[in-house]
Amino acid sequence: MSADGLALIDKPKGITSRKITTQVAKIFQEKKAGHLGTLDPIATGVIPILLGKATRLAQFLESDQKLYLAEIKLGIATETMDSEGKIISQAKPPDLSNEQVIWVLKKFEGEIFQTPPAYSAIKLKGKRAYQLARRGEKVELKPRKVKIEKIELKNFNGEVMEILVHCQPGTYLRVIADEIGKEIGCGAHLVGLRRLGSGRFSIAQAISPDELLKEDGFKYLIPLEQILELEVISFGGSQGFKIKDGNPIPLRTIGIKKSLGERFRIFTPNCFAIAEVVEKQGELYLQPLRVFAKD
């Protein structure tokens, strides 16, 4: 049986995203596999893994918003901005009310510039940044614009805070923890991180690798045709063959009114496809972006 679909895995602590992807691929005996959104080894939570032909849908999912539950400890800053790094400063946290903490958190909402940590997987000089940092080499990464939709304070005991972070891909929660510490003036680092959501997928839908091994994994696999939540259009006859061959179809010939940029799931007797409304010479067409021929 072909494993063309998406597996939602609850990644355990202490394993890399790449390794968990390899493990899942072996369980399904699938050569092609790729994960959406890297989680640090110390982080846990939902990690969507595309298998087989479904890897061709990655571009439509990479911009999905993420939801994290982060635990931040005030008073200690570390080299790696998390609990695994060397302590570089310590200071007694000031007495803060929940209202004061919320006021600080609000400063990080919206579009902000964030410098990725030196201990990250970003490539620099052909090497991963963390490889250079571990060798003692100076790592200088350029600030990037990231978007944090919302930060909610869940718990705070004067020293440790739990926050829910709704953010766009590419946001480093370790950096947020470090910058919160700087804003408060006592230093801070990330002591726990769990991804609760990735796009429309939530941790409630995820399964651990151990559970996947015990059961029939295919019953947890989201089929290729159901991965994207897009409106469905069905075609038969000559229009269906055009879709299969990747040819655009003028909207006026199929009697539907759609807007430029809209995307759809297309079903025909011969294939399944993802298509987008594009403009060519002043006319709107339905252009197949990804076509999956039926066996």
C-alpha atoms as a PDB file:
ATOM      1  CA  MET A   1       0.000   0.000   0.000  1.00  0.00           C
ATOM      2  CA  SER A   2       1.311   3.427  -0.955  1.00  0.00           C
ATOM      3  CA  ALA A   3       1.838   5.933   1.870  1.00  0.00           C
ATOM      4  CA  ASP A   4       0.917   9.087  -0.039  1.00  0.00           C
ATOM      5  CA  GLY A   5      -0.346  11.340   2.716  1.00  0.00           C
ATOM      6  CA  LEU A   6       0.384  13.289   5.880  1.00  0.00           C
ATOM      7  CA  ALA A   7       1.230  11.827   9.289  1.00  0.00           C
ATOM      8  CA  LEU A   8       0.735  14.043  12.332  1.00  0.00           C
ATOM      9  CA  ILE A   9       3.357  13.084  14.886  1.00  0.00           C
ATOM     10  CA  ASP A  10       3.695  14.180  18.510  1.00  0.00           C
ATOM     11  CA  LYS A  11       7.472  14.587  18.588  1.00  0.00           C
ATOM     12  CA  PRO A  12       9.063  13.507  21.868  1.00  0.00           C
ATOM     13  CA  LYS A  13      11.842  15.451  23.574  1.00  0.00           C
ATOM     14  CA  GLY A  14      15.473  14.703  22.734  1.00  0.00           C
ATOM     15  CA  ILE A  15      15.170  13.842  19.049  1.00  0.00           C
ATOM     16  CA  THR A  16      15.695  15.989  15.971  1.00  0.00           C
ATOM     17  CA  SER A  17      12.927  16.700  13.473  1.00  0.00           C
ATOM     18  CA  ARG A  18      14.974  15.057  10.751  1.00  0.00           C
ATOM     19  CA  LYS A  19      15.428  11.856  12.745  1.00  0.00           C
ATOM     20  CA  ILE A  20      11.739  11.558  13.617  1.00  0.00           C
ATOM     21  CA  THR A  21      10.923  12.059   9.927  1.00  0.00           C
ATOM     22  CA  THR A  22      13.290   9.228   8.996  1.00  0.00           C
ATOM     23  CA  GLN A  23      11.710   6.955  11.618  1.00  0.00           C
ATOM     24  CA  VAL A  24       8.198   7.632  10.352  1.00  0.00           C
ATOM     25  CA  ALA A  25       9.276   7.050   6.743  1.00  0.00           C
ATOM     26  CA  LYS A  26      10.656   3.640   7.760  1.00  0.00           C
ATOM     27  CA  ILE A  27       7.424   2.712   9.531  1.00  0.00           C
ATOM     28  CA  PHE A  28       5.486   3.394   6.331  1.00  0.00           C
ATOM     29  CA  GLN A  29       8.282   1.956   4.142  1.00  0.00           C
ATOM     30  CA  GLU A  30       8.314   5.186   2.157  1.00  0.00           C
ATOM     31  CA  LYS A  31      11.467   6.628   0.578  1.00  0.00           C
ATOM     32  CA  LYS A  32      10.184  10.181   0.187  1.00  0.00           C
ATOM     33  CA  ALA A  33       9.402  12.124   3.361  1.00  0.00           C
ATOM     34  CA  GLY A  34       9.684  15.662   4.642  1.00  0.00           C
ATOM     35  CA  HIS A  35       8.552  17.536   7.752  1.00  0.00           C
ATOM     36  CA  LEU A  36       6.881  20.937   7.978  1.00  0.00           C
ATOM     37  CA  GLY A  37       8.462  23.289  10.491  1.00  0.00           C
ATOM     38  CA  THR A  38      11.585  22.211  12.373  1.00  0.00           C
ATOM     39  CA  LEU A  39      11.383  21.642  16.120  1.00  0.00           C
ATOM     40  CA  ASP A  40      14.516  21.820  18.280  1.00  0.00           C
ATOM     41  CA  PRO A  41      15.479  18.536  19.995  1.00  0.00           C
ATOM     42  CA  ILE A  42      14.346  19.891  23.399  1.00  0.00           C
ATOM     43  CA  ALA A  43      10.918  20.805  21.982  1.00  0.00           C
ATOM     44  CA  THR A  44       7.916  18.498  21.737  1.00  0.00           C
ATOM     45  CA  GLY A  45       4.619  18.624  19.926  1.00  0.00           C
ATOM     46  CA  VAL A  46       2.908  18.311  16.594  1.00  0.00           C
ATOM     47  CA  ILE A  47       5.091  17.941  13.528  1.00  0.00           C
ATOM     48  CA  PRO A  48       3.352  17.252  10.179  1.00  0.00           C
ATOM     49  CA  ILE A  49       5.274  14.768   8.030  1.00  0.00           C
ATOM     50  CA  LEU A  50       4.518  14.478   4.321  1.00  0.00           C
ATOM     51  CA  LEU A  51       5.046  11.074   2.753  1.00  0.00           C
ATOM     52  CA  GLY A  52       5.377   9.869  -0.823  1.00  0.00           C
ATOM     53  CA  LYS A  53       3.625  11.968  -3.440  1.00  0.00           C
ATOM     54  CA  ALA A  54       2.303  14.263  -0.714  1.00  0.00           C
ATOM     55  CA  THR A  55       5.783  15.826  -0.395  1.00  0.00           C
ATOM     56  CA  ARG A  56       4.854  17.793  -3.530  1.00  0.00           C
ATOM     57  CA  LEU A  57       2.301  19.726  -1.448  1.00  0.00           C
ATOM     58  CA  ALA A  58       4.887  21.176   0.928  1.00  0.00           C
ATOM     59  CA  GLN A  59       4.862  24.630  -0.706  1.00  0.00           C
ATOM     60  CA  PHE A  60       1.164  25.048   0.128  1.00  0.00           C
ATOM     61  CA  LEU A  61       1.705  24.324   3.836  1.00  0.00           C
ATOM     62  CA  GLU A  62       5.038  25.957   4.662  1.00  0.00           C
ATOM     63  CA  SER A  63       3.455  29.310   5.538  1.00  0.00           C
ATOM     64  CA  ASP A  64       0.950  27.839   8.010  1.00  0.00           C
ATOM     65  CA  GLN A  65       0.684  29.654  11.335  1.00  0.00           C
ATOM     66  CA  LYS A  66       2.090  27.880  14.394  1.00  0.00           C
ATOM     67  CA  LEU A  67       0.820  27.716  17.987  1.00  0.00           C
ATOM     68  CA  TYR A  68       3.289  27.138  20.832  1.00  0.00           C
ATOM     69  CA  LEU A  69       3.137  26.746  24.589  1.00  0.00           C
ATOM     70  CA  ALA A  70       6.439  28.140  25.875  1.00  0.00           C
ATOM     71  CA  GLU A  71       7.829  28.057  29.406  1.00  0.00           C
ATOM     72  CA  ILE A  72      10.275  30.857  30.217  1.00  0.00           C
ATOM     73  CA  LYS A  73      12.434  31.191  33.327  1.00  0.00           C
ATOM     74  CA  LEU A  74      13.407  34.695  34.433  1.00  0.00           C
ATOM     75  CA  GLY A  75      16.709  35.565  36.097  1.00  0.00           C
ATOM     76  CA  ILE A  76      19.063  33.386  34.054  1.00  0.00           C
ATOM     77  CA  ALA A  77      20.342  34.001  30.513  1.00  0.00           C
ATOM     78  CA  THR A  78      22.150  31.225  28.661  1.00  0.00           C
ATOM     79  CA  GLU A  79      24.442  31.028  25.656  1.00  0.00           C
ATOM     80  CA  THR A  80      21.910  29.038  23.621  1.00  0.00           C
ATOM     81  CA  MET A  81      18.864  30.882  25.032  1.00  0.00           C
ATOM     82  CA  ASP A  82      17.484  27.586  26.332  1.00  0.00           C
ATOM     83  CA  SER A  83      18.082  25.209  29.244  1.00  0.00           C
ATOM     84  CA  GLU A  84      20.884  23.333  27.474  1.00  0.00           C
ATOM     85  CA  GLY A  85      23.255  26.288  27.200  1.00  0.00           C
ATOM     86  CA  LYS A  86      25.968  27.669  29.432  1.00  0.00           C
ATOM     87  CA  ILE A  87      24.776  30.324  31.895  1.00  0.00           C
ATOM     88  CA  ILE A  88      26.085  33.747  30.884  1.00  0.00           C
ATOM     89  CA  SER A  89      24.290  35.967  33.416  1.00  0.00           C
ATOM     90  CA  GLN A  90      22.131  35.772  36.516  1.00  0.00           C
ATOM     91  CA  ALA A  91      19.989  38.386  38.259  1.00  0.00           C
ATOM     92  CA  LYS A  92      17.075  38.411  40.667  1.00  0.00           C
ATOM     93  CA  PRO A  93      13.792  38.946  38.780  1.00  0.00           C
ATOM     94  CA  PRO A  94      11.872  42.067  39.855  1.00  0.00           C
ATOM     95  CA  ASP A  95       8.477  41.727  41.515  1.00  0.00           C
ATOM     96  CA  LEU A  96       6.024  41.805  38.637  1.00  0.00           C
ATOM     97  CA  SER A  97       2.264  41.574  38.498  1.00  0.00           C
ATOM     98  CA  ASN A  98       0.494  39.632  35.764  1.00  0.00           C
ATOM     99  CA  GLU A  99      -0.592  42.959  34.264  1.00  0.00           C
ATOM    100  CA  GLN A 100       3.024  44.128  34.037  1.00  0.00           C
ATOM    101  CA  VAL A 101       4.087  40.873  32.364  1.00  0.00           C
ATOM    102  CA  ILE A 102       1.233  41.144  29.847  1.00  0.00           C
ATOM    103  CA  TRP A 103       2.339  44.710  29.076  1.00  0.00           C
ATOM    104  CA  VAL A 104       5.852  43.393  28.279  1.00  0.00           C
ATOM    105  CA  LEU A 105       4.498  40.562  26.122  1.00  0.00           C
ATOM    106  CA  LYS A 106       2.390  42.969  24.057  1.00  0.00           C
ATOM    107  CA  LYS A 107       5.611  44.634  22.863  1.00  0.00           C
ATOM    108  CA  PHE A 108       6.434  41.483  20.904  1.00  0.00           C
ATOM    109  CA  GLU A 109       3.154  41.221  19.012  1.00  0.00           C
ATOM    110  CA  GLY A 110       2.939  42.196  15.352  1.00  0.00           C
ATOM    111  CA  GLU A 111       5.761  42.344  12.804  1.00  0.00           C
ATOM    112  CA  ILE A 112       9.150  42.503  14.506  1.00  0.00           C
ATOM    113  CA  PHE A 113      12.774  41.984  13.520  1.00  0.00           C
ATOM    114  CA  GLN A 114      14.409  38.978  15.131  1.00  0.00           C
ATOM    115  CA  THR A 115      18.022  37.847  14.911  1.00  0.00           C
ATOM    116  CA  PRO A 116      18.190  34.027  14.723  1.00  0.00           C
ATOM    117  CA  PRO A 117      20.288  32.402  17.475  1.00  0.00           C
ATOM    118  CA  ALA A 118      23.884  31.424  16.752  1.00  0.00           C
ATOM    119  CA  TYR A 119      22.957  27.893  17.813  1.00  0.00           C
ATOM    120  CA  SER A 120      20.498  27.331  14.976  1.00  0.00           C
ATOM    121  CA  ALA A 121      20.329  25.198  11.825  1.00  0.00           C
ATOM    122  CA  ILE A 122      20.673  28.189   9.491  1.00  0.00           C
ATOM    123  CA  LYS A 123      23.470  27.709   6.947  1.00  0.00           C
ATOM    124  CA  LEU A 124      26.437  30.065   7.013  1.00  0.00           C
ATOM    125  CA  LYS A 125      29.574  29.571   4.930  1.00  0.00           C
ATOM    126  CA  GLY A 126      28.199  26.206   3.859  1.00  0.00           C
ATOM    127  CA  LYS A 127      27.895  25.027   7.473  1.00  0.00           C
ATOM    128  CA  ARG A 128      25.102  25.018  10.014  1.00  0.00           C
ATOM    129  CA  ALA A 129      25.346  27.990  12.375  1.00  0.00           C
ATOM    130  CA  TYR A 130      25.371  25.739  15.443  1.00  0.00           C
ATOM    131  CA  GLN A 131      28.351  23.798  14.048  1.00  0.00           C
ATOM    132  CA  LEU A 132      30.364  27.016  13.753  1.00  0.00           C
ATOM    133  CA  ALA A 133      29.243  28.211  17.191  1.00  0.00           C
ATOM    134  CA  ARG A 134      30.269  24.935  18.823  1.00  0.00           C
ATOM    135  CA  ARG A 135      33.727  25.297  17.274  1.00  0.00           C
ATOM    136  CA  GLY A 136      34.030  28.692  18.912  1.00  0.00           C
ATOM    137  CA  GLU A 137      33.736  30.618  15.648  1.00  0.00           C
ATOM    138  CA  LYS A 138      31.927  33.936  15.565  1.00  0.00           C
ATOM    139  CA  VAL A 139      28.446  33.607  14.105  1.00  0.00           C
ATOM    140  CA  GLU A 140      26.735  36.713  12.759  1.00  0.00           C
ATOM    141  CA  LEU A 141      23.230  36.215  11.414  1.00  0.00           C
ATOM    142  CA  LYS A 142      21.141  38.980   9.900  1.00  0.00           C
ATOM    143  CA  PRO A 143      17.865  40.062  11.548  1.00  0.00           C
ATOM    144  CA  ARG A 144      14.726  38.746   9.903  1.00  0.00           C
ATOM    145  CA  LYS A 145      11.193  40.056   9.921  1.00  0.00           C
ATOM    146  CA  VAL A 146       8.801  37.705  11.697  1.00  0.00           C
ATOM    147  CA  LYS A 147       5.154  38.068  12.628  1.00  0.00           C
ATOM    148  CA  ILE A 148       3.696  37.215  16.006  1.00  0.00           C
ATOM    149  CA  GLU A 149      -0.082  37.301  15.842  1.00  0.00           C
ATOM    150  CA  LYS A 150      -0.736  37.030  19.560  1.00  0.00           C
ATOM    151  CA  ILE A 151       0.942  36.208  22.901  1.00  0.00           C
ATOM    152  CA  GLU A 152      -1.183  35.121  25.846  1.00  0.00           C
ATOM    153  CA  LEU A 153      -0.005  34.752  29.432  1.00  0.00           C
ATOM    154  CA  LYS A 154      -1.229  31.436  30.847  1.00  0.00           C
ATOM    155  CA  ASN A 155       0.628  31.248  34.171  1.00  0.00           C
ATOM    156  CA  PHE A 156       3.215  33.266  36.119  1.00  0.00           C
ATOM    157  CA  ASN A 157       4.650  32.550  39.569  1.00  0.00           C
ATOM    158  CA  GLY A 158       7.100  35.432  39.741  1.00  0.00           C
ATOM    159  CA  GLU A 159       9.958  33.445  38.227  1.00  0.00           C
ATOM    160  CA  VAL A 160       8.538  31.183  35.510  1.00  0.00           C
ATOM    161  CA  MET A 161       5.915  32.149  32.956  1.00  0.00           C
ATOM    162  CA  GLU A 162       3.896  30.048  30.538  1.00  0.00           C
ATOM    163  CA  ILE A 163       2.808  31.777  27.365  1.00  0.00           C
ATOM    164  CA  LEU A 164       0.779  30.803  24.312  1.00  0.00           C
ATOM    165  CA  VAL A 165       2.337  32.158  21.124  1.00  0.00           C
ATOM    166  CA  HIS A 166       0.483  32.374  17.803  1.00  0.00           C
ATOM    167  CA  CYS A 167       3.136  33.111  15.175  1.00  0.00           C
ATOM    168  CA  GLN A 168       4.205  32.750  11.579  1.00  0.00           C
ATOM    169  CA  PRO A 169       6.897  30.208  10.524  1.00  0.00           C
ATOM    170  CA  GLY A 170      10.504  31.187  11.133  1.00  0.00           C
ATOM    171  CA  THR A 171       9.895  32.628  14.608  1.00  0.00           C
ATOM    172  CA  TYR A 172      12.429  31.523  17.223  1.00  0.00           C
ATOM    173  CA  LEU A 173      10.820  31.095  20.639  1.00  0.00           C
ATOM    174  CA  ARG A 174      14.272  30.927  22.238  1.00  0.00           C
ATOM    175  CA  VAL A 175      14.952  34.426  20.993  1.00  0.00           C
ATOM    176  CA  ILE A 176      11.606  35.654  22.310  1.00  0.00           C
ATOM    177  CA  ALA A 177      12.487  34.235  25.739  1.00  0.00           C
ATOM    178  CA  ASP A 178      15.889  35.933  25.689  1.00  0.00           C
ATOM    179  CA  GLU A 179      14.442  39.267  24.575  1.00  0.00           C
ATOM    180  CA  ILE A 180      11.715  39.137  27.225  1.00  0.00           C
ATOM    181  CA  GLY A 181      14.476  38.729  29.798  1.00  0.00           C
ATOM    182  CA  LYS A 182      16.328  41.734  28.384  1.00  0.00           C
ATOM    183  CA  GLU A 183      13.137  43.812  28.346  1.00  0.00           C
ATOM    184  CA  ILE A 184      12.477  42.996  32.006  1.00  0.00           C
ATOM    185  CA  GLY A 185      16.150  43.527  32.833  1.00  0.00           C
ATOM    186  CA  CYS A 186      17.019  40.243  34.529  1.00  0.00           C
ATOM    187  CA  GLY A 187      17.719  37.850  31.660  1.00  0.00           C
ATOM    188  CA  ALA A 188      15.649  34.766  30.786  1.00  0.00           C
ATOM    189  CA  HIS A 189      15.791  31.529  28.857  1.00  0.00           C
ATOM    190  CA  LEU A 190      13.438  28.940  27.383  1.00  0.00           C
ATOM    191  CA  VAL A 191      12.956  25.908  29.634  1.00  0.00           C
ATOM    192  CA  GLY A 192      10.106  24.202  27.801  1.00  0.00           C
ATOM    193  CA  LEU A 193       8.463  24.331  24.379  1.00  0.00           C
ATOM    194  CA  ARG A 194       5.526  22.408  22.966  1.00  0.00           C
ATOM    195  CA  ARG A 195       3.961  23.004  19.552  1.00  0.00           C
ATOM    196  CA  LEU A 196       0.202  22.726  19.899  1.00  0.00           C
ATOM    197  CA  GLY A 197      -0.762  23.532  16.346  1.00  0.00           C
ATOM    198  CA  SER A 198       0.490  23.826  12.782  1.00  0.00           C
ATOM    199  CA  GLY A 199      -2.016  25.423  10.428  1.00  0.00           C
ATOM    200  CA  ARG A 200      -5.312  23.565  10.756  1.00  0.00           C
ATOM    201  CA  PHE A 201      -3.634  20.584  12.430  1.00  0.00           C
ATOM    202  CA  SER A 202      -3.586  20.331  16.238  1.00  0.00           C
ATOM    203  CA  ILE A 203      -1.777  18.270  18.846  1.00  0.00           C
ATOM    204  CA  ALA A 204      -5.078  16.478  19.576  1.00  0.00           C
ATOM    205  CA  GLN A 205      -4.788  14.811  16.160  1.00  0.00           C
ATOM    206  CA  ALA A 206      -1.160  13.753  16.586  1.00  0.00           C
ATOM    207  CA  ILE A 207       0.144  10.327  17.549  1.00  0.00           C
ATOM    208  CA  SER A 208       3.445   9.343  19.134  1.00  0.00           C
ATOM    209  CA  PRO A 209       5.974   7.265  17.155  1.00  0.00           C
ATOM    210  CA  ASP A 210       5.571   4.424  19.680  1.00  0.00           C
ATOM    211  CA  GLU A 211       1.805   4.342  19.177  1.00  0.00           C
ATOM    212  CA  LEU A 212       2.321   4.415  15.418  1.00  0.00           C
ATOM    213  CA  LEU A 213       4.456   1.266  15.679  1.00  0.00           C
ATOM    214  CA  LYS A 214       1.867  -0.557  17.788  1.00  0.00           C
ATOM    215  CA  GLU A 215      -1.070   0.111  15.489  1.00  0.00           C
ATOM    216  CA  ASP A 216      -1.914   0.138  11.802  1.00  0.00           C
ATOM    217  CA  GLY A 217      -0.277   3.461  10.903  1.00  0.00           C
ATOM    218  CA  PHE A 218      -2.338   3.859   7.734  1.00  0.00           C
ATOM    219  CA  LYS A 219      -5.490   4.555   9.738  1.00  0.00           C
ATOM    220  CA  TYR A 220      -3.767   7.698  11.065  1.00  0.00           C
ATOM    221  CA  LEU A 221      -2.530   8.836   7.655  1.00  0.00           C
ATOM    222  CA  ILE A 222      -4.373  11.832   6.178  1.00  0.00           C
ATOM    223  CA  PRO A 223      -4.870  10.970   2.475  1.00  0.00           C
ATOM    224  CA  LEU A 224      -3.233  13.095  -0.200  1.00  0.00           C
ATOM    225  CA  GLU A 225      -6.586  14.477  -1.377  1.00  0.00           C
ATOM    226  CA  GLN A 226      -7.595  15.640   2.130  1.00  0.00           C
ATOM    227  CA  ILE A 227      -4.436  17.432   3.241  1.00  0.00           C
ATOM    228  CA  LEU A 228      -5.420  20.851   1.901  1.00  0.00           C
ATOM    229  CA  GLU A 229      -8.750  22.381   2.886  1.00  0.00           C
ATOM    230  CA  LEU A 230      -9.727  23.868  -0.455  1.00  0.00           C
ATOM    231  CA  GLU A 231     -12.993  24.052  -2.355  1.00  0.00           C
ATOM    232  CA  VAL A 232     -13.582  21.057  -4.621  1.00  0.00           C
ATOM    233  CA  ILE A 233     -14.247  21.210  -8.373  1.00  0.00           C
ATOM    234  CA  SER A 234     -14.909  18.057 -10.395  1.00  0.00           C
ATOM    235  CA  PHE A 235     -14.333  17.594 -14.107  1.00  0.00           C
ATOM    236  CA  GLY A 236     -14.991  14.875 -16.608  1.00  0.00           C
ATOM    237  CA  GLY A 237     -14.487  14.419 -20.341  1.00  0.00           C
ATOM    238  CA  SER A 238     -12.059  16.615 -22.276  1.00  0.00           C
ATOM    239  CA  GLN A 239     -11.677  19.130 -19.417  1.00  0.00           C
ATOM    240  CA  GLY A 240     -10.490  16.344 -17.150  1.00  0.00           C
ATOM    241  CA  PHE A 241      -7.809  15.350 -19.676  1.00  0.00           C
ATOM    242  CA  LYS A 242      -6.670  18.982 -19.912  1.00  0.00           C
ATOM    243  CA  ILE A 243      -6.195  19.066 -16.161  1.00  0.00           C
ATOM    244  CA  LYS A 244      -4.257  15.798 -16.243  1.00  0.00           C
ATOM    245  CA  ASP A 245      -1.944  17.227 -18.913  1.00  0.00           C
ATOM    246  CA  GLY A 246      -1.407  20.386 -16.844  1.00  0.00           C
ATOM    247  CA  ASN A 247      -3.188  22.664 -19.297  1.00  0.00           C
ATOM    248  CA  PRO A 248      -5.068  25.788 -18.151  1.00  0.00           C
ATOM    249  CA  ILE A 249      -8.843  26.001 -18.642  1.00  0.00           C
ATOM    250  CA  PRO A 250     -10.590  29.350 -19.329  1.00  0.00           C
ATOM    251  CA  LEU A 251     -13.142  29.991 -16.577  1.00  0.00           C
ATOM    252  CA  ARG A 252     -15.701  31.189 -19.145  1.00  0.00           C
ATOM    253  CA  THR A 253     -15.725  27.707 -20.720  1.00  0.00           C
ATOM    254  CA  ILE A 254     -16.660  25.941 -17.488  1.00  0.00           C
ATOM    255  CA  GLY A 255     -19.267  28.404 -16.268  1.00  0.00           C
ATOM    256  CA  ILE A 256     -17.794  29.277 -12.897  1.00  0.00           C
ATOM    257  CA  LYS A 257     -16.913  32.667 -11.435  1.00  0.00           C
ATOM    258  CA  LYS A 258     -13.841  32.681  -9.249  1.00  0.00           C
ATOM    259  CA  SER A 259     -11.340  35.319  -8.133  1.00  0.00           C
ATOM    260  CA  LEU A 260      -7.712  35.708  -9.151  1.00  0.00           C
ATOM    261  CA  GLY A 261      -5.416  33.747  -6.827  1.00  0.00           C
ATOM    262  CA  GLU A 262      -8.072  31.360  -5.490  1.00  0.00           C
ATOM    263  CA  ARG A 263      -6.943  27.737  -5.183  1.00  0.00           C
ATOM    264  CA  PHE A 264      -8.963  24.549  -5.537  1.00  0.00           C
ATOM    265  CA  ARG A 265      -8.808  20.786  -5.279  1.00  0.00           C
ATOM    266  CA  ILE A 266      -9.627  19.298  -8.666  1.00  0.00           C
ATOM    267  CA  PHE A 267     -11.006  15.776  -9.089  1.00  0.00           C
ATOM    268  CA  THR A 268     -11.243  14.078 -12.479  1.00  0.00           C
ATOM    269  CA  PRO A 269     -11.597  10.406 -13.464  1.00  0.00           C
ATOM    270  CA  ASN A 270      -7.880  10.419 -14.343  1.00  0.00           C
ATOM    271  CA  CYS A 271      -6.226  12.573 -11.678  1.00  0.00           C
ATOM    272  CA  PHE A 272      -6.307  14.724  -8.575  1.00  0.00           C
ATOM    273  CA  ALA A 273      -4.853  18.231  -8.828  1.00  0.00           C
ATOM    274  CA  ILE A 274      -4.313  21.525  -7.043  1.00  0.00           C
ATOM    275  CA  ALA A 275      -5.168  24.465  -9.286  1.00  0.00           C
ATOM    276  CA  GLU A 276      -5.127  28.249  -9.016  1.00  0.00           C
ATOM    277  CA  VAL A 277      -6.987  30.997 -10.852  1.00  0.00           C
ATOM    278  CA  VAL A 278      -4.463  32.965 -12.930  1.00  0.00           C
ATOM    279  CA  GLU A 279      -4.736  35.740 -15.496  1.00  0.00           C
ATOM    280  CA  LYS A 280      -3.413  35.417 -19.031  1.00  0.00           C
ATOM    281  CA  GLN A 281      -3.858  38.176 -21.602  1.00  0.00           C
ATOM    282  CA  GLY A 282      -6.731  39.686 -19.643  1.00  0.00           C
ATOM    283  CA  GLU A 283      -8.627  36.421 -19.182  1.00  0.00           C
ATOM    284  CA  LEU A 284      -8.950  34.220 -16.082  1.00  0.00           C
ATOM    285  CA  TYR A 285      -7.867  30.590 -16.272  1.00  0.00           C
ATOM    286  CA  LEU A 286      -7.824  27.625 -13.928  1.00  0.00           C
ATOM    287  CA  GLN A 287      -4.147  26.614 -13.933  1.00  0.00           C
ATOM    288  CA  PRO A 288      -3.109  23.216 -12.491  1.00  0.00           C
ATOM    289  CA  LEU A 289      -0.185  23.647 -10.074  1.00  0.00           C
ATOM    290  CA  ARG A 290       0.256  20.048  -8.943  1.00  0.00           C
ATOM    291  CA  VAL A 291      -1.189  17.057 -10.792  1.00  0.00           C
ATOM    292  CA  PHE A 292      -1.346  13.518  -9.389  1.00  0.00           C
ATOM    293  CA  ALA A 293      -2.301  10.971 -12.015  1.00  0.00           C
ATOM    294  CA  LYS A 294      -4.372   8.027 -10.806  1.00  0.00           C
ATOM    295  CA  ASP A 295      -2.739   4.630 -11.029  1.00  0.00           C
END
